Amino acid sequence: MAVGCRVGRTWRVSADLVPDDLWERIAPLLPVRPPRRHRYPGRLPADDRAALRGIVYVLRKGVSWRDVPAELVGCSGVTAWRRLRDWTEAGVRPRPHEVLLAELRKEGLLEMDDAAIDGSHVRALKDISGG
């Protein structure tokens, strides 16, 4: 599966990472960026879609954040990680999941007979009752 192809001196990212229909569903769920300062605006922030491509790249390829090819996805892996962190802190992460599950359920494409629950990310508390 080709992720991108080189066109001239730049990489053109394949639609496999963040197809237009997926982006159209997710973009409205992302927080609005605050306006840039007028006097010292700093660097232009990376595009949200590029950050999402970086996140999807890490999930699909199983690579570390530092191994994300910036020229391929449009931003560095660190930038993608920071955006994921910011979106998580803003409460964005559960919303796209809920929206996509609702769409699948509505279309009759959600099969829950073979569902699995992963609790590996939940901290196990030590039993101090002594029992």
C-alpha atoms as a PDB file:
ATOM      1  CA  MET A   1       0.000   0.000   0.000  1.00  0.00           C
ATOM      2  CA  ALA A   2       1.524   3.274  -1.076  1.00  0.00           C
ATOM      3  CA  VAL A   3       1.207   6.012   1.496  1.00  0.00           C
ATOM      4  CA  GLY A   4       2.403   8.806  -0.733  1.00  0.00           C
ATOM      5  CA  CYS A   5       4.232   9.613  -3.895  1.00  0.00           C
ATOM      6  CA  ARG A   6       6.863  12.190  -4.670  1.00  0.00           C
ATOM      7  CA  VAL A   7       5.789  14.974  -6.997  1.00  0.00           C
ATOM      8  CA  GLY A   8       8.622  17.334  -7.875  1.00  0.00           C
ATOM      9  CA  ARG A   9      10.329  18.323  -4.622  1.00  0.00           C
ATOM     10  CA  THR A  10       7.328  17.700  -2.353  1.00  0.00           C
ATOM     11  CA  TRP A  11       5.433  14.628  -1.194  1.00  0.00           C
ATOM     12  CA  ARG A  12       1.803  14.234  -2.068  1.00  0.00           C
ATOM     13  CA  VAL A  13       0.108  12.234   0.664  1.00  0.00           C
ATOM     14  CA  SER A  14      -2.206   9.461  -0.389  1.00  0.00           C
ATOM     15  CA  ALA A  15      -5.844   9.725   0.626  1.00  0.00           C
ATOM     16  CA  ASP A  16      -5.381   6.439   2.498  1.00  0.00           C
ATOM     17  CA  LEU A  17      -4.354   8.153   5.735  1.00  0.00           C
ATOM     18  CA  VAL A  18      -7.191  10.686   6.102  1.00  0.00           C
ATOM     19  CA  PRO A  19      -9.720  10.373   3.274  1.00  0.00           C
ATOM     20  CA  ASP A  20     -11.934  13.369   2.500  1.00  0.00           C
ATOM     21  CA  ASP A  21     -15.098  11.747   3.880  1.00  0.00           C
ATOM     22  CA  LEU A  22     -13.378  10.985   7.203  1.00  0.00           C
ATOM     23  CA  TRP A  23     -11.954  14.506   7.412  1.00  0.00           C
ATOM     24  CA  GLU A  24     -15.390  16.014   6.720  1.00  0.00           C
ATOM     25  CA  ARG A  25     -16.773  14.085   9.707  1.00  0.00           C
ATOM     26  CA  ILE A  26     -13.926  14.859  12.102  1.00  0.00           C
ATOM     27  CA  ALA A  27     -13.083  18.502  11.262  1.00  0.00           C
ATOM     28  CA  PRO A  28     -16.245  19.993  12.825  1.00  0.00           C
ATOM     29  CA  LEU A  29     -15.517  18.128  16.078  1.00  0.00           C
ATOM     30  CA  LEU A  30     -12.093  19.721  16.555  1.00  0.00           C
ATOM     31  CA  PRO A  31     -11.717  22.805  18.747  1.00  0.00           C
ATOM     32  CA  VAL A  32     -11.396  26.180  17.068  1.00  0.00           C
ATOM     33  CA  ARG A  33      -7.860  27.487  17.236  1.00  0.00           C
ATOM     34  CA  PRO A  34      -7.407  30.761  19.105  1.00  0.00           C
ATOM     35  CA  PRO A  35      -6.437  33.717  16.912  1.00  0.00           C
ATOM     36  CA  ARG A  36      -2.735  34.387  16.567  1.00  0.00           C
ATOM     37  CA  ARG A  37      -1.197  37.324  18.377  1.00  0.00           C
ATOM     38  CA  HIS A  38      -0.752  40.385  16.228  1.00  0.00           C
ATOM     39  CA  ARG A  39       2.583  41.626  17.541  1.00  0.00           C
ATOM     40  CA  TYR A  40       4.535  38.359  17.994  1.00  0.00           C
ATOM     41  CA  PRO A  41       2.489  35.755  16.179  1.00  0.00           C
ATOM     42  CA  GLY A  42       5.133  33.030  16.322  1.00  0.00           C
ATOM     43  CA  ARG A  43       5.175  30.121  13.914  1.00  0.00           C
ATOM     44  CA  LEU A  44       2.137  29.183  11.905  1.00  0.00           C
ATOM     45  CA  PRO A  45       0.524  26.170  13.548  1.00  0.00           C
ATOM     46  CA  ALA A  46       0.520  22.935  11.607  1.00  0.00           C
ATOM     47  CA  ASP A  47      -2.633  22.081   9.750  1.00  0.00           C
ATOM     48  CA  ASP A  48      -5.075  19.948  11.793  1.00  0.00           C
ATOM     49  CA  ARG A  49      -5.472  17.493   8.946  1.00  0.00           C
ATOM     50  CA  ALA A  50      -1.683  17.056   8.731  1.00  0.00           C
ATOM     51  CA  ALA A  51      -1.595  16.394  12.479  1.00  0.00           C
ATOM     52  CA  LEU A  52      -4.347  13.807  12.095  1.00  0.00           C
ATOM     53  CA  ARG A  53      -2.372  12.194   9.256  1.00  0.00           C
ATOM     54  CA  GLY A  54       0.610  11.957  11.625  1.00  0.00           C
ATOM     55  CA  ILE A  55      -1.548  10.336  14.309  1.00  0.00           C
ATOM     56  CA  VAL A  56      -3.017   7.854  11.842  1.00  0.00           C
ATOM     57  CA  TYR A  57       0.465   7.114  10.494  1.00  0.00           C
ATOM     58  CA  VAL A  58       1.676   6.171  13.983  1.00  0.00           C
ATOM     59  CA  LEU A  59      -1.394   4.006  14.570  1.00  0.00           C
ATOM     60  CA  ARG A  60      -1.122   2.208  11.229  1.00  0.00           C
ATOM     61  CA  LYS A  61       2.629   1.733  11.088  1.00  0.00           C
ATOM     62  CA  GLY A  62       3.285   1.174  14.798  1.00  0.00           C
ATOM     63  CA  VAL A  63       6.259   3.544  14.742  1.00  0.00           C
ATOM     64  CA  SER A  64       7.330   5.982  17.425  1.00  0.00           C
ATOM     65  CA  TRP A  65       6.380   9.640  17.158  1.00  0.00           C
ATOM     66  CA  ARG A  66       9.925  10.638  16.229  1.00  0.00           C
ATOM     67  CA  ASP A  67       9.847   8.246  13.252  1.00  0.00           C
ATOM     68  CA  VAL A  68       6.932   9.989  11.528  1.00  0.00           C
ATOM     69  CA  PRO A  69       8.169  11.298   8.158  1.00  0.00           C
ATOM     70  CA  ALA A  70       7.267  14.989   8.263  1.00  0.00           C
ATOM     71  CA  GLU A  71       7.659  15.368   4.509  1.00  0.00           C
ATOM     72  CA  LEU A  72       5.084  12.619   4.026  1.00  0.00           C
ATOM     73  CA  VAL A  73       2.358  13.610   6.485  1.00  0.00           C
ATOM     74  CA  GLY A  74       2.853  17.377   6.549  1.00  0.00           C
ATOM     75  CA  CYS A  75       4.076  17.838  10.120  1.00  0.00           C
ATOM     76  CA  SER A  76       6.547  16.277  12.518  1.00  0.00           C
ATOM     77  CA  GLY A  77       5.618  13.381  14.765  1.00  0.00           C
ATOM     78  CA  VAL A  78       6.150  15.591  17.810  1.00  0.00           C
ATOM     79  CA  THR A  79       3.657  18.100  16.417  1.00  0.00           C
ATOM     80  CA  ALA A  80       1.147  15.306  15.792  1.00  0.00           C
ATOM     81  CA  TRP A  81       1.685  14.053  19.351  1.00  0.00           C
ATOM     82  CA  ARG A  82       1.185  17.540  20.801  1.00  0.00           C
ATOM     83  CA  ARG A  83      -2.010  18.003  18.812  1.00  0.00           C
ATOM     84  CA  LEU A  84      -3.272  14.617  20.054  1.00  0.00           C
ATOM     85  CA  ARG A  85      -2.456  15.728  23.611  1.00  0.00           C
ATOM     86  CA  ASP A  86      -4.242  19.056  23.111  1.00  0.00           C
ATOM     87  CA  TRP A  87      -7.294  17.381  21.605  1.00  0.00           C
ATOM     88  CA  THR A  88      -7.364  14.858  24.455  1.00  0.00           C
ATOM     89  CA  GLU A  89      -7.187  17.627  27.061  1.00  0.00           C
ATOM     90  CA  ALA A  90      -9.996  19.458  25.229  1.00  0.00           C
ATOM     91  CA  GLY A  91     -12.160  16.315  25.409  1.00  0.00           C
ATOM     92  CA  VAL A  92     -12.182  15.769  21.645  1.00  0.00           C
ATOM     93  CA  ARG A  93     -11.102  12.117  21.501  1.00  0.00           C
ATOM     94  CA  PRO A  94     -14.351  10.402  22.561  1.00  0.00           C
ATOM     95  CA  ARG A  95     -16.569  12.503  20.259  1.00  0.00           C
ATOM     96  CA  PRO A  96     -15.355  11.253  16.830  1.00  0.00           C
ATOM     97  CA  HIS A  97     -15.536   7.711  18.171  1.00  0.00           C
ATOM     98  CA  GLU A  98     -19.155   8.232  19.245  1.00  0.00           C
ATOM     99  CA  VAL A  99     -20.090   9.849  15.921  1.00  0.00           C
ATOM    100  CA  LEU A 100     -18.516   7.093  13.815  1.00  0.00           C
ATOM    101  CA  LEU A 101     -20.087   4.348  15.969  1.00  0.00           C
ATOM    102  CA  ALA A 102     -23.502   6.017  15.663  1.00  0.00           C
ATOM    103  CA  GLU A 103     -23.135   6.134  11.867  1.00  0.00           C
ATOM    104  CA  LEU A 104     -22.161   2.458  11.743  1.00  0.00           C
ATOM    105  CA  ARG A 105     -25.064   1.547  14.033  1.00  0.00           C
ATOM    106  CA  LYS A 106     -27.506   3.555  11.898  1.00  0.00           C
ATOM    107  CA  GLU A 107     -26.326   1.769   8.738  1.00  0.00           C
ATOM    108  CA  GLY A 108     -26.552  -1.629  10.442  1.00  0.00           C
ATOM    109  CA  LEU A 109     -22.814  -2.150  10.059  1.00  0.00           C
ATOM    110  CA  LEU A 110     -21.937  -2.339  13.752  1.00  0.00           C
ATOM    111  CA  GLU A 111     -21.650  -5.947  14.874  1.00  0.00           C
ATOM    112  CA  MET A 112     -21.326  -6.174  18.650  1.00  0.00           C
ATOM    113  CA  ASP A 113     -21.352  -9.983  18.918  1.00  0.00           C
ATOM    114  CA  ASP A 114     -17.563 -10.121  18.824  1.00  0.00           C
ATOM    115  CA  ALA A 115     -16.749  -6.996  20.847  1.00  0.00           C
ATOM    116  CA  ALA A 116     -13.794  -6.838  23.228  1.00  0.00           C
ATOM    117  CA  ILE A 117     -13.036  -4.439  26.050  1.00  0.00           C
ATOM    118  CA  ASP A 118      -9.465  -3.427  26.821  1.00  0.00           C
ATOM    119  CA  GLY A 119      -8.795  -2.097  30.293  1.00  0.00           C
ATOM    120  CA  SER A 120      -5.009  -2.054  30.029  1.00  0.00           C
ATOM    121  CA  HIS A 121      -4.972   1.749  30.175  1.00  0.00           C
ATOM    122  CA  VAL A 122      -6.839   1.846  33.501  1.00  0.00           C
ATOM    123  CA  ARG A 123      -4.629   2.159  36.556  1.00  0.00           C
ATOM    124  CA  ALA A 124      -4.952  -0.765  38.957  1.00  0.00           C
ATOM    125  CA  LEU A 125      -5.362   0.454  42.529  1.00  0.00           C
ATOM    126  CA  LYS A 126      -3.623  -1.396  45.316  1.00  0.00           C
ATOM    127  CA  ASP A 127      -5.938  -3.142  47.762  1.00  0.00           C
ATOM    128  CA  ILE A 128      -5.105  -1.599  51.148  1.00  0.00           C
ATOM    129  CA  SER A 129      -7.902  -3.303  53.074  1.00  0.00           C
ATOM    130  CA  GLY A 130      -5.642  -6.239  53.863  1.00  0.00           C
ATOM    131  CA  GLY A 131      -8.332  -8.714  52.929  1.00  0.00           C
END
